[in-house]
N, C-alpha and C. Protein backbone atom coordinates (compact mmCIF):
# COMPACT_ATOMS: atom_id res chain seq x y z
N UNK A 1 -18.65 3.78 20.59
CA UNK A 1 -17.24 3.64 20.28
C UNK A 1 -16.56 2.92 21.44
N UNK A 2 -15.69 2.01 21.10
CA UNK A 2 -14.89 1.32 22.11
C UNK A 2 -13.58 2.09 22.24
N UNK A 3 -13.50 2.91 23.28
CA UNK A 3 -12.36 3.80 23.44
C UNK A 3 -11.03 3.06 23.55
N UNK A 4 -11.01 1.92 24.22
CA UNK A 4 -9.75 1.19 24.38
C UNK A 4 -9.23 0.70 23.03
N UNK A 5 -10.11 0.15 22.21
CA UNK A 5 -9.69 -0.33 20.88
C UNK A 5 -9.20 0.83 20.02
N UNK A 6 -9.93 1.94 20.06
CA UNK A 6 -9.55 3.11 19.27
C UNK A 6 -8.20 3.65 19.75
N UNK A 7 -8.02 3.69 21.05
CA UNK A 7 -6.76 4.15 21.63
C UNK A 7 -5.60 3.23 21.23
N UNK A 8 -5.83 1.92 21.22
CA UNK A 8 -4.79 0.98 20.80
C UNK A 8 -4.38 1.22 19.35
N UNK A 9 -5.37 1.50 18.49
CA UNK A 9 -5.06 1.81 17.09
C UNK A 9 -4.21 3.08 17.00
N UNK A 10 -4.63 4.10 17.74
CA UNK A 10 -3.90 5.37 17.69
C UNK A 10 -2.48 5.22 18.22
N UNK A 11 -2.30 4.43 19.28
CA UNK A 11 -0.96 4.20 19.82
C UNK A 11 -0.07 3.53 18.78
N UNK A 12 -0.61 2.54 18.09
CA UNK A 12 0.17 1.84 17.06
C UNK A 12 0.53 2.78 15.92
N UNK A 13 -0.36 3.71 15.61
CA UNK A 13 -0.14 4.64 14.50
C UNK A 13 0.76 5.81 14.89
N UNK A 14 0.94 6.02 16.19
CA UNK A 14 1.64 7.22 16.68
C UNK A 14 3.16 7.08 16.62
N UNK A 15 3.65 6.49 15.57
CA UNK A 15 5.08 6.34 15.34
C UNK A 15 5.27 6.61 13.85
N UNK A 16 6.15 7.54 13.49
CA UNK A 16 6.26 7.96 12.08
C UNK A 16 6.47 6.83 11.07
N UNK A 17 7.30 5.86 11.39
CA UNK A 17 7.54 4.77 10.44
C UNK A 17 6.29 3.92 10.24
N UNK A 18 5.56 3.65 11.32
CA UNK A 18 4.34 2.86 11.19
C UNK A 18 3.27 3.64 10.43
N UNK A 19 3.21 4.93 10.64
CA UNK A 19 2.25 5.76 9.89
C UNK A 19 2.59 5.72 8.39
N UNK A 20 3.87 5.75 8.07
CA UNK A 20 4.29 5.67 6.66
C UNK A 20 3.94 4.29 6.09
N UNK A 21 4.10 3.24 6.87
CA UNK A 21 3.73 1.90 6.42
C UNK A 21 2.24 1.85 6.10
N UNK A 22 1.42 2.43 6.95
CA UNK A 22 -0.02 2.48 6.70
C UNK A 22 -0.30 3.23 5.41
N UNK A 23 0.39 4.33 5.21
CA UNK A 23 0.23 5.11 3.98
C UNK A 23 0.60 4.26 2.75
N UNK A 24 1.70 3.54 2.84
CA UNK A 24 2.11 2.67 1.73
C UNK A 24 1.07 1.59 1.46
N UNK A 25 0.54 0.99 2.52
CA UNK A 25 -0.43 -0.09 2.36
C UNK A 25 -1.79 0.41 1.92
N UNK A 26 -2.03 1.71 2.03
CA UNK A 26 -3.31 2.25 1.56
C UNK A 26 -3.42 2.11 0.04
N UNK A 27 -2.28 1.88 -0.63
CA UNK A 27 -2.27 1.67 -2.09
C UNK A 27 -2.55 0.22 -2.46
N UNK A 28 -2.50 -0.68 -1.47
CA UNK A 28 -2.75 -2.10 -1.73
C UNK A 28 -1.72 -2.98 -1.04
N UNK A 29 -1.87 -4.26 -1.24
CA UNK A 29 -0.99 -5.26 -0.62
C UNK A 29 0.45 -5.08 -1.09
N UNK A 30 1.38 -5.24 -0.14
CA UNK A 30 2.81 -5.14 -0.46
C UNK A 30 3.58 -6.25 0.23
N UNK A 31 4.61 -6.69 -0.44
CA UNK A 31 5.56 -7.64 0.13
C UNK A 31 6.47 -6.88 1.10
N UNK A 32 6.93 -7.57 2.14
CA UNK A 32 7.84 -6.94 3.09
C UNK A 32 9.06 -6.35 2.38
N UNK A 33 9.55 -7.05 1.37
CA UNK A 33 10.73 -6.56 0.65
C UNK A 33 10.44 -5.23 -0.05
N UNK A 34 9.22 -5.04 -0.54
CA UNK A 34 8.85 -3.77 -1.18
C UNK A 34 8.68 -2.65 -0.15
N UNK A 35 8.15 -2.99 1.00
CA UNK A 35 8.01 -1.98 2.07
C UNK A 35 9.39 -1.51 2.51
N UNK A 36 10.31 -2.45 2.65
CA UNK A 36 11.67 -2.13 3.11
C UNK A 36 12.39 -1.12 2.21
N UNK A 37 12.07 -1.09 0.94
CA UNK A 37 12.75 -0.16 0.03
C UNK A 37 12.46 1.30 0.37
N UNK A 38 11.45 1.54 1.17
CA UNK A 38 11.07 2.91 1.55
C UNK A 38 11.68 3.35 2.88
N UNK A 39 12.49 2.49 3.49
CA UNK A 39 13.03 2.79 4.81
C UNK A 39 14.53 2.50 4.88
N UNK A 40 15.15 3.08 5.89
CA UNK A 40 16.57 2.85 6.17
C UNK A 40 16.73 1.99 7.41
N UNK A 41 15.92 0.95 7.55
CA UNK A 41 16.10 0.05 8.68
C UNK A 41 16.05 -1.39 8.18
N UNK A 42 16.37 -2.31 9.09
CA UNK A 42 16.54 -3.72 8.74
C UNK A 42 15.20 -4.46 8.69
N UNK A 43 15.25 -5.67 8.15
CA UNK A 43 14.07 -6.52 8.09
C UNK A 43 13.54 -6.85 9.49
N UNK A 44 14.40 -7.15 10.48
CA UNK A 44 13.87 -7.39 11.83
C UNK A 44 13.13 -6.17 12.40
N UNK A 45 13.59 -4.97 12.08
CA UNK A 45 12.90 -3.77 12.55
C UNK A 45 11.54 -3.65 11.87
N UNK A 46 11.48 -3.97 10.59
CA UNK A 46 10.19 -3.96 9.89
C UNK A 46 9.25 -4.98 10.53
N UNK A 47 9.75 -6.16 10.82
CA UNK A 47 8.93 -7.20 11.45
C UNK A 47 8.36 -6.71 12.78
N UNK A 48 9.17 -6.00 13.55
CA UNK A 48 8.72 -5.44 14.82
C UNK A 48 7.55 -4.48 14.60
N UNK A 49 7.71 -3.57 13.64
CA UNK A 49 6.64 -2.61 13.35
C UNK A 49 5.38 -3.33 12.86
N UNK A 50 5.55 -4.33 12.01
CA UNK A 50 4.39 -5.04 11.46
C UNK A 50 3.65 -5.81 12.54
N UNK A 51 4.37 -6.37 13.50
CA UNK A 51 3.71 -7.09 14.59
C UNK A 51 2.86 -6.14 15.42
N UNK A 52 3.35 -4.95 15.66
CA UNK A 52 2.58 -3.95 16.41
C UNK A 52 1.32 -3.57 15.63
N UNK A 53 1.46 -3.36 14.33
CA UNK A 53 0.30 -3.00 13.50
C UNK A 53 -0.70 -4.15 13.42
N UNK A 54 -0.21 -5.37 13.37
CA UNK A 54 -1.11 -6.53 13.34
C UNK A 54 -1.85 -6.68 14.67
N UNK A 55 -1.12 -6.53 15.77
CA UNK A 55 -1.73 -6.67 17.09
C UNK A 55 -2.83 -5.64 17.31
N UNK A 56 -2.66 -4.45 16.74
CA UNK A 56 -3.65 -3.38 16.88
C UNK A 56 -4.82 -3.57 15.91
N UNK A 57 -4.77 -4.59 15.06
CA UNK A 57 -5.86 -4.84 14.13
C UNK A 57 -5.84 -3.95 12.90
N UNK A 58 -4.68 -3.38 12.60
CA UNK A 58 -4.57 -2.45 11.47
C UNK A 58 -4.15 -3.17 10.20
N UNK A 59 -3.27 -4.15 10.34
CA UNK A 59 -2.67 -4.83 9.19
C UNK A 59 -2.93 -6.33 9.27
N UNK A 60 -3.13 -6.93 8.11
CA UNK A 60 -3.23 -8.38 7.97
C UNK A 60 -1.99 -8.85 7.21
N UNK A 61 -1.64 -10.13 7.39
CA UNK A 61 -0.45 -10.67 6.72
C UNK A 61 -0.71 -12.09 6.25
N UNK A 62 0.01 -12.46 5.19
CA UNK A 62 -0.04 -13.83 4.68
C UNK A 62 1.32 -14.17 4.09
N UNK A 63 1.81 -15.32 4.48
CA UNK A 63 3.09 -15.78 3.94
C UNK A 63 2.82 -16.56 2.65
N UNK A 64 3.48 -16.15 1.59
CA UNK A 64 3.37 -16.82 0.29
C UNK A 64 4.77 -17.24 -0.11
N UNK A 65 5.04 -18.53 0.01
CA UNK A 65 6.40 -19.00 -0.24
C UNK A 65 7.33 -18.44 0.83
N UNK A 66 8.37 -17.77 0.39
CA UNK A 66 9.30 -17.17 1.36
C UNK A 66 8.97 -15.71 1.65
N UNK A 67 7.94 -15.18 1.00
CA UNK A 67 7.59 -13.76 1.14
C UNK A 67 6.39 -13.55 2.05
N UNK A 68 6.46 -12.50 2.82
CA UNK A 68 5.36 -12.08 3.69
C UNK A 68 4.68 -10.89 3.02
N UNK A 69 3.38 -11.00 2.78
CA UNK A 69 2.61 -9.91 2.18
C UNK A 69 1.70 -9.29 3.24
N UNK A 70 1.58 -7.98 3.17
CA UNK A 70 0.79 -7.22 4.14
C UNK A 70 -0.24 -6.37 3.42
N UNK A 71 -1.36 -6.12 4.09
CA UNK A 71 -2.39 -5.22 3.58
C UNK A 71 -3.16 -4.66 4.76
N UNK A 72 -3.84 -3.54 4.54
CA UNK A 72 -4.66 -2.95 5.58
C UNK A 72 -5.91 -3.80 5.78
N UNK A 73 -6.24 -4.06 7.03
CA UNK A 73 -7.46 -4.80 7.35
C UNK A 73 -8.66 -3.94 6.99
N UNK A 74 -9.55 -4.41 6.12
CA UNK A 74 -10.73 -3.61 5.76
C UNK A 74 -11.58 -3.21 6.96
N UNK A 75 -11.61 -4.06 7.99
CA UNK A 75 -12.36 -3.70 9.21
C UNK A 75 -11.71 -2.51 9.91
N UNK A 76 -10.38 -2.45 9.89
CA UNK A 76 -9.69 -1.30 10.48
C UNK A 76 -10.10 -0.02 9.76
N UNK A 77 -10.09 -0.05 8.44
CA UNK A 77 -10.42 1.15 7.66
C UNK A 77 -11.81 1.64 8.03
N UNK A 78 -12.77 0.73 8.04
CA UNK A 78 -14.16 1.08 8.36
C UNK A 78 -14.28 1.60 9.80
N UNK A 79 -13.74 0.84 10.75
CA UNK A 79 -13.84 1.20 12.16
C UNK A 79 -13.13 2.50 12.47
N UNK A 80 -11.94 2.68 11.91
CA UNK A 80 -11.18 3.90 12.18
C UNK A 80 -11.92 5.13 11.67
N UNK A 81 -12.47 5.03 10.46
CA UNK A 81 -13.23 6.16 9.91
C UNK A 81 -14.46 6.45 10.77
N UNK A 82 -15.19 5.42 11.17
CA UNK A 82 -16.38 5.61 12.00
C UNK A 82 -16.03 6.22 13.35
N UNK A 83 -14.99 5.69 13.99
CA UNK A 83 -14.60 6.20 15.31
C UNK A 83 -14.12 7.64 15.23
N UNK A 84 -13.36 7.97 14.21
CA UNK A 84 -12.87 9.34 14.06
C UNK A 84 -14.04 10.28 13.81
N UNK A 85 -14.97 9.87 12.96
CA UNK A 85 -16.15 10.69 12.70
C UNK A 85 -16.97 10.88 13.98
N UNK A 86 -17.15 9.80 14.72
CA UNK A 86 -17.92 9.87 15.97
C UNK A 86 -17.24 10.78 16.99
N UNK A 87 -15.93 10.68 17.08
CA UNK A 87 -15.18 11.49 18.04
C UNK A 87 -15.25 12.98 17.73
N UNK A 88 -15.27 13.33 16.46
CA UNK A 88 -15.20 14.73 16.06
C UNK A 88 -16.55 15.35 15.72
N UNK A 89 -17.62 14.60 15.88
CA UNK A 89 -18.92 15.14 15.50
C UNK A 89 -19.44 16.11 16.55
N UNK A 90 -20.19 17.06 16.08
CA UNK A 90 -20.77 18.07 16.97
C UNK A 90 -22.27 18.19 16.69
N UNK A 91 -22.92 17.04 16.49
CA UNK A 91 -24.35 17.06 16.22
C UNK A 91 -25.10 16.39 17.37
N UNK A 92 -26.34 16.05 17.15
CA UNK A 92 -27.17 15.48 18.21
C UNK A 92 -26.65 14.13 18.70
N UNK A 93 -25.87 13.43 17.89
CA UNK A 93 -25.32 12.13 18.29
C UNK A 93 -24.05 12.26 19.14
N UNK A 94 -23.57 13.48 19.33
CA UNK A 94 -22.36 13.72 20.12
C UNK A 94 -22.57 13.24 21.56
N UNK A 95 -21.53 12.72 22.17
CA UNK A 95 -21.62 12.19 23.53
C UNK A 95 -22.09 13.25 24.53
N UNK A 96 -21.79 14.51 24.26
CA UNK A 96 -22.20 15.56 25.20
C UNK A 96 -23.71 15.77 25.20
N UNK A 97 -24.41 15.28 24.18
CA UNK A 97 -25.87 15.40 24.10
C UNK A 97 -26.58 14.16 24.60
N UNK A 98 -25.84 13.12 24.90
CA UNK A 98 -26.45 11.87 25.36
C UNK A 98 -26.71 11.96 26.86
N UNK A 99 -27.74 11.23 27.31
CA UNK A 99 -28.09 11.22 28.73
C UNK A 99 -26.96 10.59 29.53
N UNK A 100 -26.64 11.19 30.65
CA UNK A 100 -25.59 10.64 31.52
C UNK A 100 -26.19 9.60 32.44
N UNK A 101 -25.44 8.53 32.67
CA UNK A 101 -25.92 7.45 33.55
C UNK A 101 -25.55 7.73 34.98
């Protein structure tokens, strides 16, 4: 596990609005205008949150005409699940059972 990458993901997720955005995007791709209907903040604030999520490798974006569409990066989903499983495991693969250097 790359602890720095995992930590960066967790930091980006550790804000209630961004966590809600991730939850919304777990249903599929959404336009920024559709995401905004779930919040009481402005479009520039949404852009700020989306940039943080993109920088952390959680969200992908594509501009189609005048609309920005967002979706969860499939690599994020896979990596996050693997890292969380690895972090919480208590079997022979646990870091505490590995030889120390």
